[in-house]
Amino acid sequence: MVLEADIKAQLNQYLQLMEDDIVIKVSAGSNDVSKDMLALVNELASMSSKITIEKTQLTRTPSFSVNRLGEDTGVIFAGVPLGHEFTSLVLALLQVSGRPPKIDQSLIDKIKNIKGEYHFETFVSLSCHNCPDVVQALNIMSILNPGITHTMIDGAAFKEEAESKNVMAVPSVFLNGEFFSGGRMTLEEILSKLGNGPSTEELSTKEPYDVLVIGGGPAGASAAIYAARKGIRTGIVAERFGGQVLDTMSIENFISVKHTEGPKLVAGLEEHVKEYDVDVMNLQRAIRLEKNDLFEVELENGAILKSKSVIIATGARWRNLGVPGEQEFKNKGVAYCPHCDGPLFEGKHVAVIGGGNSGVEAAIDLAGIVKHVTLLEFMPELKADDVLQKRLYSLPNVTVLKNVQTKEITGIDNVNGITYVERDTGVEKHIELQGVFVQIGLVPNTDWLEGTVERTRFGEIIVDKHGATNIPGVFAAGDCTNNPYKQIIISMGSGANAALGAFDYLIRN
């Protein structure tokens, strides 16, 4: 038995929702992964009379495709889709059987209207929490459009192929054999990348807003909900709805919710925002803010949005080291997400840069996967909580280097080492390794506001107790502000605060 009893019971309920019969076509060999895959598909077939199994020969072995009767849908799983990808498998079974995907009709229409042949392949790791979104989006596209196919490839099961294609971060998507994109992507983002996003003219002709929120993370979503509840015309423009939270694996300090995951929280935020009359413009990046008769926000594609007031909630991003080799080897050994990319470094030597909670947690996680972890901290002591430090120092395959400055990440095609300087002696040293995980905190996304609102020397927007900036009518909230604590729950509160401040400004002006 591959599936545990409780998962099997849940799966049984889902399989009751299947509409029409489906065929799973299996290409198996004699290795252990093939045996596990066969056990899984046989177990599925034993649980539903609507599933039959056929043997076939697919491009990769072991793999299997999920099809309608007499028709190949192009949905293929290479490897055993358990872990985070088990949901992708369950959704594929339901959707291929005829159960409609839970996406907007406008997206369905866009997918069906795509012309041409698109063969997508996504390399994943089963512990990656960002991968299922990409896999599920591309599966939906394959099911809805006969010109599109998609194969999920477990990088651990097809290690040689992953290495030959230089896959060092997941998800990595290839289109018609060429690299297409890396990292988390929503269905909207994939369609936009294929040239199916809203036009500049469509955005520029929108009526002015009472409140325009820039940013779609917890602060932006909260601000939009609070503004819309006041009955005023509200728009939200976001480079990526959900922001940094999408990359957060485990959330255990969101009061009243003992544990959740970033993508799940973002899905809830999006659902809540859509309950109100909020004009959501996703995948749009603001590049300029100007005050004329109304505030004008210029987007990267040239469109200009107008509003009576603005709330900036653009959040923060991972801070870069800024040393030679970091940009050159990004996704070629330099990584920022230990949960996603850790499994690709199994049995290898890696470094973690940063001795705060996130750095020490990353080192602890990686120590269970890789051969050896070296943690480098700039200060003379680690900044992480005591409980984490005790756990770190108890691990036999971790070396901690304190009071050191990273000088360079070295490599040829991929990372092959790191050079650092001992700050007290000035001695330069080099370690040979294959991966570097950067965990040195956040930097606010406010570069585009140069010369407009007042900011601290760290780039944080200075706000008062109402969330107001130095420009009347412009408010800010969340991790892009000088609020000292960068927490989801605090961002949500500051978003609500800024929306109430903006509403107060509007009724007085």
Protein backbone atom coordinates (compact mmCIF):
# COMPACT_ATOMS: atom_id res chain seq x y z
CA MET A 1 0.00 0.00 0.00
CA VAL A 2 1.44 3.39 -1.06
CA LEU A 3 -1.18 5.62 0.58
CA GLU A 4 -1.77 5.94 4.32
CA ALA A 5 -5.26 5.08 5.61
CA ASP A 6 -6.35 8.70 6.35
CA ILE A 7 -5.18 9.96 2.93
CA LYS A 8 -6.92 7.01 1.30
CA ALA A 9 -10.19 7.86 3.08
CA GLN A 10 -9.95 11.48 1.86
CA LEU A 11 -9.09 10.34 -1.65
CA ASN A 12 -12.08 8.03 -1.67
CA GLN A 13 -14.35 11.06 -1.13
CA TYR A 14 -12.69 12.99 -3.96
CA LEU A 15 -12.94 10.08 -6.40
CA GLN A 16 -16.72 10.04 -5.83
CA LEU A 17 -16.73 13.44 -7.59
CA MET A 18 -15.37 12.03 -10.87
CA GLU A 19 -17.82 12.51 -13.73
CA ASP A 20 -16.77 10.33 -16.68
CA ASP A 21 -14.45 7.34 -17.12
CA ILE A 22 -10.72 7.93 -17.54
CA VAL A 23 -7.73 5.85 -18.67
CA ILE A 24 -4.32 5.96 -16.96
CA LYS A 25 -1.65 4.90 -19.47
CA VAL A 26 1.45 3.59 -17.71
CA SER A 27 5.03 3.35 -18.91
CA ALA A 28 6.95 1.35 -16.26
CA GLY A 29 10.32 -0.36 -15.92
CA SER A 30 11.69 -2.63 -13.21
CA ASN A 31 13.33 -0.07 -10.89
CA ASP A 32 11.98 0.96 -7.47
CA VAL A 33 10.38 4.20 -8.71
CA SER A 34 8.49 2.19 -11.36
CA LYS A 35 7.29 -0.25 -8.70
CA ASP A 36 6.07 2.60 -6.46
CA MET A 37 4.34 4.26 -9.42
CA LEU A 38 2.58 1.02 -10.41
CA ALA A 39 1.48 0.49 -6.80
CA LEU A 40 0.01 4.01 -6.74
CA VAL A 41 -1.96 3.76 -10.03
CA ASN A 42 -3.20 0.26 -9.15
CA GLU A 43 -4.40 1.59 -5.81
CA LEU A 44 -6.24 4.43 -7.59
CA ALA A 45 -7.90 1.99 -9.99
CA SER A 46 -8.97 -0.26 -7.09
CA MET A 47 -10.76 2.71 -5.52
CA SER A 48 -12.88 3.78 -8.51
CA SER A 49 -14.68 1.86 -11.25
CA LYS A 50 -14.20 4.96 -13.45
CA ILE A 51 -10.41 4.43 -13.66
CA THR A 52 -8.86 1.82 -15.96
CA ILE A 53 -5.16 1.18 -16.60
CA GLU A 54 -3.39 0.47 -19.88
CA LYS A 55 0.29 -0.25 -20.53
CA THR A 56 2.01 2.03 -23.04
CA GLN A 57 5.42 3.50 -23.95
CA LEU A 58 5.85 7.18 -23.04
CA THR A 59 8.87 9.46 -23.58
CA ARG A 60 10.06 8.82 -20.01
CA THR A 61 9.96 5.68 -17.91
CA PRO A 62 8.59 5.57 -15.27
CA SER A 63 5.66 7.85 -16.12
CA PHE A 64 1.91 7.78 -16.68
CA SER A 65 -0.66 9.91 -18.50
CA VAL A 66 -4.22 10.71 -17.42
CA ASN A 67 -6.68 10.63 -20.35
CA ARG A 68 -10.28 10.81 -21.42
CA LEU A 69 -11.57 7.69 -23.18
CA GLY A 70 -10.22 7.61 -26.73
CA GLU A 71 -8.37 10.92 -26.31
CA ASP A 72 -4.93 11.88 -24.98
CA THR A 73 -5.15 15.01 -22.82
CA GLY A 74 -1.39 15.52 -22.64
CA VAL A 75 -1.33 15.42 -18.80
CA ILE A 76 1.68 13.31 -17.80
CA PHE A 77 3.39 12.58 -14.47
CA ALA A 78 7.01 11.37 -14.72
CA GLY A 79 7.83 9.88 -11.33
CA VAL A 80 5.50 9.32 -8.38
CA PRO A 81 3.41 12.45 -7.62
CA LEU A 82 3.23 12.18 -3.85
CA GLY A 83 4.23 14.86 -1.29
CA HIS A 84 3.07 18.32 -2.38
CA GLU A 85 2.25 16.98 -5.87
CA PHE A 86 -0.40 14.53 -4.65
CA THR A 87 -3.00 17.34 -4.90
CA SER A 88 -1.92 17.91 -8.53
CA LEU A 89 -2.66 14.25 -9.26
CA VAL A 90 -6.08 14.31 -7.58
CA LEU A 91 -7.09 17.49 -9.44
CA ALA A 92 -5.91 15.99 -12.75
CA LEU A 93 -8.09 12.90 -12.19
CA LEU A 94 -11.15 15.04 -11.44
CA GLN A 95 -10.61 17.58 -14.23
CA VAL A 96 -9.84 14.99 -16.93
CA SER A 97 -13.02 13.17 -15.89
CA GLY A 98 -14.99 16.31 -16.76
CA ARG A 99 -15.13 18.24 -13.50
CA PRO A 100 -14.55 21.91 -14.41
CA PRO A 101 -11.48 23.62 -12.89
CA LYS A 102 -12.22 26.38 -10.36
CA ILE A 103 -10.95 29.31 -12.44
CA ASP A 104 -12.63 32.40 -13.94
CA GLN A 105 -14.44 31.95 -17.24
CA SER A 106 -12.25 34.71 -18.73
CA LEU A 107 -9.15 32.53 -18.12
CA ILE A 108 -10.89 29.46 -19.61
CA ASP A 109 -11.67 31.48 -22.75
CA LYS A 110 -8.07 32.72 -23.03
CA ILE A 111 -6.70 29.15 -22.73
CA LYS A 112 -9.09 27.77 -25.34
CA ASN A 113 -8.16 30.58 -27.76
CA ILE A 114 -4.41 29.82 -27.70
CA LYS A 115 -3.32 28.65 -31.16
CA GLY A 116 -0.28 26.46 -31.89
CA GLU A 117 1.61 23.57 -30.30
CA TYR A 118 2.89 24.06 -26.75
CA HIS A 119 4.70 21.17 -25.03
CA PHE A 120 5.50 22.12 -21.43
CA GLU A 121 7.73 20.16 -19.03
CA THR A 122 8.12 21.12 -15.38
CA PHE A 123 10.94 19.83 -13.18
CA VAL A 124 9.79 19.67 -9.55
CA SER A 125 10.84 18.34 -6.18
CA LEU A 126 8.11 16.67 -4.14
CA SER A 127 8.95 18.82 -1.11
CA CYS A 128 8.55 22.08 -3.08
CA HIS A 129 5.48 24.07 -2.00
CA ASN A 130 5.73 26.41 -5.03
CA CYS A 131 5.73 23.63 -7.65
CA PRO A 132 2.10 22.42 -7.44
CA ASP A 133 0.71 25.81 -8.51
CA VAL A 134 2.72 25.66 -11.73
CA VAL A 135 1.96 21.95 -12.34
CA GLN A 136 -1.78 22.45 -11.75
CA ALA A 137 -1.96 25.55 -13.98
CA LEU A 138 -0.21 23.81 -16.90
CA ASN A 139 -2.34 20.67 -16.41
CA ILE A 140 -5.50 22.80 -16.66
CA MET A 141 -4.17 24.35 -19.88
CA SER A 142 -3.49 20.85 -21.31
CA ILE A 143 -6.99 19.63 -20.40
CA LEU A 144 -8.71 22.67 -21.94
CA ASN A 145 -6.62 23.05 -25.12
CA PRO A 146 -5.69 20.08 -27.38
CA GLY A 147 -2.61 21.97 -28.65
CA ILE A 148 -1.04 22.02 -25.17
CA THR A 149 0.64 19.15 -23.28
CA HIS A 150 2.33 19.12 -19.89
CA THR A 151 4.65 16.70 -18.12
CA MET A 152 5.52 16.98 -14.42
CA ILE A 153 9.04 15.56 -13.89
CA ASP A 154 10.29 14.64 -10.42
CA GLY A 155 13.89 15.87 -10.49
CA ALA A 156 14.94 13.22 -7.95
CA ALA A 157 13.58 10.37 -10.12
CA PHE A 158 15.15 11.84 -13.29
CA LYS A 159 18.36 13.18 -11.77
CA GLU A 160 20.52 12.77 -14.87
CA GLU A 161 18.05 14.60 -17.10
CA ALA A 162 17.69 17.41 -14.53
CA GLU A 163 21.48 17.77 -14.36
CA SER A 164 21.87 17.64 -18.15
CA LYS A 165 19.39 20.52 -18.42
CA ASN A 166 21.20 22.37 -15.62
CA VAL A 167 18.13 22.40 -13.36
CA MET A 168 19.32 23.73 -9.99
CA ALA A 169 16.09 25.35 -8.80
CA VAL A 170 12.47 24.26 -8.94
CA PRO A 171 9.99 24.63 -10.43
CA SER A 172 11.84 24.90 -13.77
CA VAL A 173 9.54 25.01 -16.79
CA PHE A 174 10.63 24.16 -20.33
CA LEU A 175 8.51 24.95 -23.40
CA ASN A 176 9.13 22.98 -26.60
CA GLY A 177 12.55 21.96 -25.22
CA GLU A 178 13.72 25.50 -24.32
CA PHE A 179 13.82 27.02 -20.82
CA PHE A 180 10.61 29.01 -20.32
CA SER A 181 10.58 30.17 -16.71
CA GLY A 182 11.67 29.36 -13.16
CA GLY A 183 9.98 29.83 -9.81
CA ARG A 184 6.39 30.07 -8.73
CA MET A 185 3.91 31.16 -11.42
CA THR A 186 0.16 31.45 -11.42
CA LEU A 187 -2.05 30.58 -14.38
CA GLU A 188 -2.46 34.30 -15.05
CA GLU A 189 1.31 34.78 -15.10
CA ILE A 190 1.82 31.91 -17.56
CA LEU A 191 -0.86 33.32 -19.88
CA SER A 192 0.65 36.80 -19.59
CA LYS A 193 4.09 35.40 -20.48
CA LEU A 194 2.51 33.78 -23.55
CA GLY A 195 1.15 37.21 -24.54
CA ASN A 196 -2.42 36.88 -23.24
CA GLY A 197 -2.46 39.69 -20.62
CA PRO A 198 -4.55 42.92 -20.61
CA SER A 199 -3.50 45.61 -23.11
CA THR A 200 -2.10 49.06 -22.24
CA GLU A 201 -5.19 50.70 -23.75
CA GLU A 202 -7.54 48.50 -21.72
CA LEU A 203 -5.86 49.63 -18.49
CA SER A 204 -5.44 53.32 -19.43
CA THR A 205 -9.15 53.80 -20.21
CA LYS A 206 -10.28 52.77 -16.70
CA GLU A 207 -12.28 55.38 -14.75
CA PRO A 208 -10.39 57.12 -11.91
CA TYR A 209 -10.49 55.39 -8.52
CA ASP A 210 -11.24 56.86 -5.10
CA VAL A 211 -8.50 54.64 -3.65
CA LEU A 212 -5.85 52.83 -5.68
CA VAL A 213 -3.87 50.24 -3.71
CA ILE A 214 -0.44 49.38 -5.10
CA GLY A 215 0.59 45.89 -3.95
CA GLY A 216 -1.31 42.65 -3.42
CA GLY A 217 0.21 41.15 -0.26
CA PRO A 218 -1.50 41.02 3.15
CA ALA A 219 -1.30 44.82 3.60
CA GLY A 220 -2.64 45.56 0.09
CA ALA A 221 -5.45 43.00 0.32
CA SER A 222 -6.49 44.29 3.74
CA ALA A 223 -6.42 47.92 2.53
CA ALA A 224 -8.55 47.06 -0.53
CA ILE A 225 -11.16 45.21 1.57
CA TYR A 226 -11.43 48.04 4.11
CA ALA A 227 -11.70 50.67 1.36
CA ALA A 228 -14.29 48.70 -0.63
CA ARG A 229 -16.40 48.18 2.51
CA LYS A 230 -16.72 51.98 2.71
CA GLY A 231 -18.49 51.89 -0.66
CA ILE A 232 -15.81 53.86 -2.53
CA ARG A 233 -14.35 52.96 -5.95
CA THR A 234 -11.33 50.78 -5.19
CA GLY A 235 -8.62 49.36 -7.43
CA ILE A 236 -5.67 47.14 -6.59
CA VAL A 237 -2.65 46.85 -8.86
CA ALA A 238 -0.15 44.11 -7.99
CA GLU A 239 3.02 42.80 -9.55
CA ARG A 240 2.16 39.41 -8.03
CA PHE A 241 -0.96 38.97 -5.89
CA GLY A 242 0.13 37.52 -2.56
CA GLY A 243 3.66 38.88 -2.77
CA GLN A 244 6.32 37.45 -0.45
CA VAL A 245 3.74 35.34 1.45
CA LEU A 246 3.46 33.06 -1.59
CA ASP A 247 7.02 31.91 -0.85
CA THR A 248 6.39 31.30 2.86
CA MET A 249 6.06 27.64 3.69
CA SER A 250 4.85 27.51 7.27
CA ILE A 251 2.89 30.21 9.12
CA GLU A 252 2.33 29.49 12.82
CA ASN A 253 1.90 33.00 14.28
CA PHE A 254 -1.24 34.16 12.47
CA ILE A 255 -3.48 34.54 15.48
CA SER A 256 -6.48 32.14 15.65
CA VAL A 257 -5.00 29.95 12.89
CA LYS A 258 -2.57 27.47 14.48
CA HIS A 259 -0.87 26.57 11.22
CA THR A 260 -1.25 27.45 7.56
CA GLU A 261 0.89 27.77 4.44
CA GLY A 262 1.56 30.91 2.43
CA PRO A 263 -0.21 29.85 -0.80
CA LYS A 264 -3.28 28.79 1.20
CA LEU A 265 -3.42 32.13 3.01
CA VAL A 266 -3.03 34.02 -0.29
CA ALA A 267 -5.87 32.01 -1.86
CA GLY A 268 -8.04 33.07 1.08
CA LEU A 269 -6.99 36.72 0.68
CA GLU A 270 -7.81 36.67 -3.02
CA GLU A 271 -11.19 35.06 -2.40
CA HIS A 272 -12.00 37.67 0.26
CA VAL A 273 -10.97 40.60 -1.98
CA LYS A 274 -13.16 39.24 -4.80
CA GLU A 275 -16.18 39.26 -2.45
CA TYR A 276 -16.15 43.06 -2.86
CA ASP A 277 -16.30 45.37 -5.84
CA VAL A 278 -12.52 45.72 -6.14
CA ASP A 279 -10.92 46.07 -9.58
CA VAL A 280 -7.94 43.69 -9.32
CA MET A 281 -5.17 44.28 -11.88
CA ASN A 282 -2.64 41.50 -11.31
CA LEU A 283 0.82 41.12 -12.93
CA GLN A 284 1.19 44.88 -13.34
CA ARG A 285 4.21 46.73 -11.97
CA ALA A 286 4.02 50.39 -10.93
CA ILE A 287 7.06 52.44 -12.00
CA ARG A 288 6.05 56.07 -11.28
CA LEU A 289 3.75 58.08 -8.99
CA GLU A 290 2.86 61.68 -9.79
CA LYS A 291 0.34 64.24 -8.47
CA ASN A 292 -1.57 66.31 -11.05
CA ASP A 293 -5.31 67.00 -10.74
CA LEU A 294 -5.46 63.39 -9.56
CA PHE A 295 -2.70 60.99 -8.60
CA GLU A 296 -1.29 59.23 -11.66
CA VAL A 297 0.35 55.81 -11.41
CA GLU A 298 2.31 54.72 -14.47
CA LEU A 299 2.70 50.98 -15.06
CA GLU A 300 5.63 49.20 -16.67
CA ASN A 301 3.61 48.59 -19.86
CA GLY A 302 3.00 52.36 -20.27
CA ALA A 303 -0.60 52.41 -18.97
CA ILE A 304 -1.57 55.21 -16.58
CA LEU A 305 -4.12 54.73 -13.77
CA LYS A 306 -5.71 57.71 -11.98
CA SER A 307 -6.97 57.98 -8.41
CA LYS A 308 -8.01 60.51 -5.76
CA SER A 309 -5.84 58.74 -3.16
CA VAL A 310 -3.16 56.05 -3.19
CA ILE A 311 -2.10 53.36 -0.71
CA ILE A 312 1.41 51.96 -1.33
CA ALA A 313 1.75 48.38 -0.06
CA THR A 314 4.54 47.02 -2.26
CA GLY A 315 6.13 44.91 0.49
CA ALA A 316 9.72 43.69 0.50
CA ARG A 317 11.91 41.14 -1.27
CA TRP A 318 14.86 38.93 -0.28
CA ARG A 319 17.95 41.04 0.30
CA ASN A 320 20.80 40.24 -2.11
CA LEU A 321 24.36 39.80 -0.88
CA GLY A 322 25.70 42.07 -3.60
CA VAL A 323 28.93 40.10 -4.09
CA PRO A 324 30.50 38.89 -7.37
CA GLY A 325 28.94 35.62 -8.55
CA GLU A 326 25.56 36.07 -6.88
CA GLN A 327 23.66 37.27 -9.96
CA GLU A 328 25.71 35.16 -12.40
CA PHE A 329 24.89 31.92 -10.56
CA LYS A 330 21.29 32.65 -9.50
CA ASN A 331 19.37 29.36 -10.01
CA LYS A 332 22.73 27.76 -10.90
CA GLY A 333 23.65 27.06 -7.30
CA VAL A 334 22.63 30.37 -5.69
CA ALA A 335 19.18 29.92 -4.12
CA TYR A 336 16.86 31.70 -1.70
CA CYS A 337 14.32 28.99 -0.80
CA PRO A 338 15.68 25.97 1.12
CA HIS A 339 12.26 24.23 1.09
CA CYS A 340 11.99 24.38 -2.70
CA ASP A 341 15.53 23.89 -3.87
CA GLY A 342 17.08 21.93 -0.99
CA PRO A 343 16.31 18.45 -2.46
CA LEU A 344 18.30 19.32 -5.61
CA PHE A 345 21.45 19.50 -3.46
CA GLU A 346 21.07 16.06 -1.90
CA GLY A 347 24.47 14.63 -0.97
CA LYS A 348 26.27 17.90 -1.81
CA HIS A 349 28.09 20.59 0.19
CA VAL A 350 26.23 23.90 0.60
CA ALA A 351 26.56 27.21 2.46
CA VAL A 352 23.86 29.26 4.18
CA ILE A 353 24.57 32.96 4.55
CA GLY A 354 22.84 34.61 7.50
CA GLY A 355 22.65 33.78 11.21
CA GLY A 356 19.17 35.08 11.98
CA ASN A 357 16.13 32.82 12.45
CA SER A 358 15.61 32.26 8.72
CA GLY A 359 19.29 31.41 8.12
CA VAL A 360 19.55 29.00 11.05
CA GLU A 361 16.20 27.35 10.16
CA ALA A 362 17.46 26.93 6.58
CA ALA A 363 20.70 25.33 7.81
CA ILE A 364 18.76 22.90 10.05
CA ASP A 365 16.41 21.93 7.19
CA LEU A 366 19.25 21.47 4.70
CA ALA A 367 21.34 19.41 7.13
CA GLY A 368 18.74 16.64 6.79
CA ILE A 369 19.19 16.53 3.00
CA VAL A 370 22.70 17.59 2.00
CA LYS A 371 26.09 16.13 2.94
CA HIS A 372 27.38 19.21 4.77
CA VAL A 373 26.21 22.75 5.59
CA THR A 374 28.50 25.71 6.35
CA LEU A 375 26.68 28.65 7.94
CA LEU A 376 28.36 32.07 7.57
CA GLU A 377 27.42 34.98 9.85
CA PHE A 378 28.84 38.52 9.51
CA MET A 379 28.48 39.43 13.21
CA PRO A 380 30.51 37.88 16.07
CA GLU A 381 27.39 36.01 17.31
CA LEU A 382 24.32 34.42 15.69
CA LYS A 383 21.08 36.41 15.98
CA ALA A 384 18.69 33.43 15.91
CA ASP A 385 16.56 32.31 18.88
CA ASP A 386 18.37 30.16 21.48
CA VAL A 387 16.19 27.13 20.80
CA LEU A 388 17.21 27.19 17.11
CA GLN A 389 20.89 27.70 17.92
CA LYS A 390 20.88 24.66 20.26
CA ARG A 391 19.33 22.53 17.52
CA LEU A 392 21.87 23.83 14.97
CA TYR A 393 24.91 23.10 17.15
CA SER A 394 23.61 19.57 17.83
CA LEU A 395 23.88 18.61 14.14
CA PRO A 396 27.04 16.68 13.16
CA ASN A 397 27.18 17.89 9.52
CA VAL A 398 27.03 21.65 10.17
CA THR A 399 29.96 24.07 10.53
CA VAL A 400 29.25 27.59 11.87
CA LEU A 401 31.59 30.42 10.87
CA LYS A 402 31.00 33.71 12.75
CA ASN A 403 32.50 37.17 12.22
CA VAL A 404 33.15 36.45 8.54
CA GLN A 405 32.37 38.47 5.42
CA THR A 406 31.39 36.79 2.17
CA LYS A 407 33.63 38.12 -0.59
CA GLU A 408 32.67 36.11 -3.70
CA ILE A 409 30.61 33.15 -4.93
CA THR A 410 32.76 31.26 -7.43
CA GLY A 411 31.90 28.92 -10.29
CA ILE A 412 32.21 28.14 -13.97
CA ASP A 413 28.82 26.98 -15.30
CA ASN A 414 27.47 26.43 -11.76
CA VAL A 415 28.58 27.36 -8.25
CA ASN A 416 31.77 25.59 -7.17
CA GLY A 417 32.73 27.51 -4.03
CA ILE A 418 32.59 30.56 -1.79
CA THR A 419 35.35 32.93 -0.70
CA TYR A 420 35.13 34.71 2.67
CA VAL A 421 37.30 36.92 4.89
CA GLU A 422 37.79 36.46 8.64
CA ARG A 423 36.95 39.95 9.92
CA ASP A 424 39.25 39.88 12.97
CA THR A 425 42.37 38.57 11.18
CA GLY A 426 41.77 39.71 7.58
CA VAL A 427 42.66 36.21 6.36
CA GLU A 428 40.89 35.19 3.14
CA LYS A 429 39.63 31.59 2.81
CA HIS A 430 37.83 29.51 0.19
CA ILE A 431 35.43 26.55 0.60
CA GLU A 432 34.54 24.20 -2.24
CA LEU A 433 30.79 23.58 -2.42
CA GLN A 434 27.89 23.29 -4.89
CA GLY A 435 25.18 25.54 -3.45
CA VAL A 436 24.73 28.84 -1.60
CA PHE A 437 21.47 29.75 0.17
CA VAL A 438 21.15 33.48 0.90
CA GLN A 439 19.09 34.29 4.02
CA ILE A 440 19.97 37.85 5.09
CA GLY A 441 16.59 39.51 5.48
CA LEU A 442 14.42 41.80 3.38
CA VAL A 443 14.68 45.05 1.43
CA PRO A 444 11.58 47.25 0.75
CA ASN A 445 10.22 47.46 -2.82
CA THR A 446 10.33 51.26 -2.97
CA ASP A 447 13.12 52.05 -5.48
CA TRP A 448 10.49 53.30 -7.97
CA LEU A 449 9.47 56.07 -5.50
CA GLU A 450 12.85 57.85 -5.63
CA GLY A 451 12.23 61.60 -5.25
CA THR A 452 8.53 61.30 -4.29
CA VAL A 453 7.56 60.12 -0.78
CA GLU A 454 9.91 60.51 2.16
CA ARG A 455 11.86 57.32 3.01
CA THR A 456 14.41 56.20 5.59
CA ARG A 457 18.02 55.52 4.58
CA PHE A 458 16.99 51.84 4.28
CA GLY A 459 14.32 52.78 1.71
CA GLU A 460 11.34 52.31 4.04
CA ILE A 461 8.43 54.75 3.53
CA ILE A 462 7.95 56.98 6.58
CA VAL A 463 4.32 56.95 7.78
CA ASP A 464 2.42 58.49 10.71
CA LYS A 465 -0.12 56.78 12.98
CA HIS A 466 -2.78 57.03 10.22
CA GLY A 467 -0.52 55.41 7.63
CA ALA A 468 -0.09 58.81 5.91
CA THR A 469 3.12 59.76 4.09
CA ASN A 470 4.52 63.29 3.69
CA ILE A 471 2.33 63.73 0.55
CA PRO A 472 -1.35 64.43 1.40
CA GLY A 473 -3.51 61.67 -0.13
CA VAL A 474 -0.68 59.13 -0.31
CA PHE A 475 -0.67 56.42 2.36
CA ALA A 476 1.52 53.35 2.87
CA ALA A 477 1.25 50.06 4.74
CA GLY A 478 3.08 46.82 5.46
CA ASP A 479 6.71 45.77 4.99
CA CYS A 480 7.55 48.70 2.67
CA THR A 481 7.08 51.16 5.57
CA ASN A 482 9.19 52.09 8.61
CA ASN A 483 7.00 49.91 10.82
CA PRO A 484 9.66 48.12 12.92
CA TYR A 485 8.13 44.62 12.82
CA LYS A 486 7.67 42.76 9.53
CA GLN A 487 4.89 40.30 10.30
CA ILE A 488 1.84 39.23 8.26
CA ILE A 489 -0.63 40.10 11.00
CA ILE A 490 0.94 43.55 11.49
CA SER A 491 0.87 44.20 7.73
CA MET A 492 -2.84 43.38 7.63
CA GLY A 493 -3.53 45.78 10.51
CA SER A 494 -1.51 48.55 8.87
CA GLY A 495 -3.37 47.99 5.58
CA ALA A 496 -6.70 48.46 7.34
CA ASN A 497 -5.29 51.52 9.14
CA ALA A 498 -4.10 53.11 5.87
CA ALA A 499 -7.49 52.47 4.19
CA LEU A 500 -9.32 54.15 7.05
CA GLY A 501 -6.81 57.01 6.87
CA ALA A 502 -7.41 57.35 3.11
CA PHE A 503 -11.20 57.33 3.60
CA ASP A 504 -10.88 60.05 6.25
CA TYR A 505 -8.72 62.10 3.84
CA LEU A 506 -11.32 61.72 1.04
CA ILE A 507 -14.31 62.83 3.14
CA ARG A 508 -12.37 65.90 4.37
CA ASN A 509 -11.16 66.88 0.89
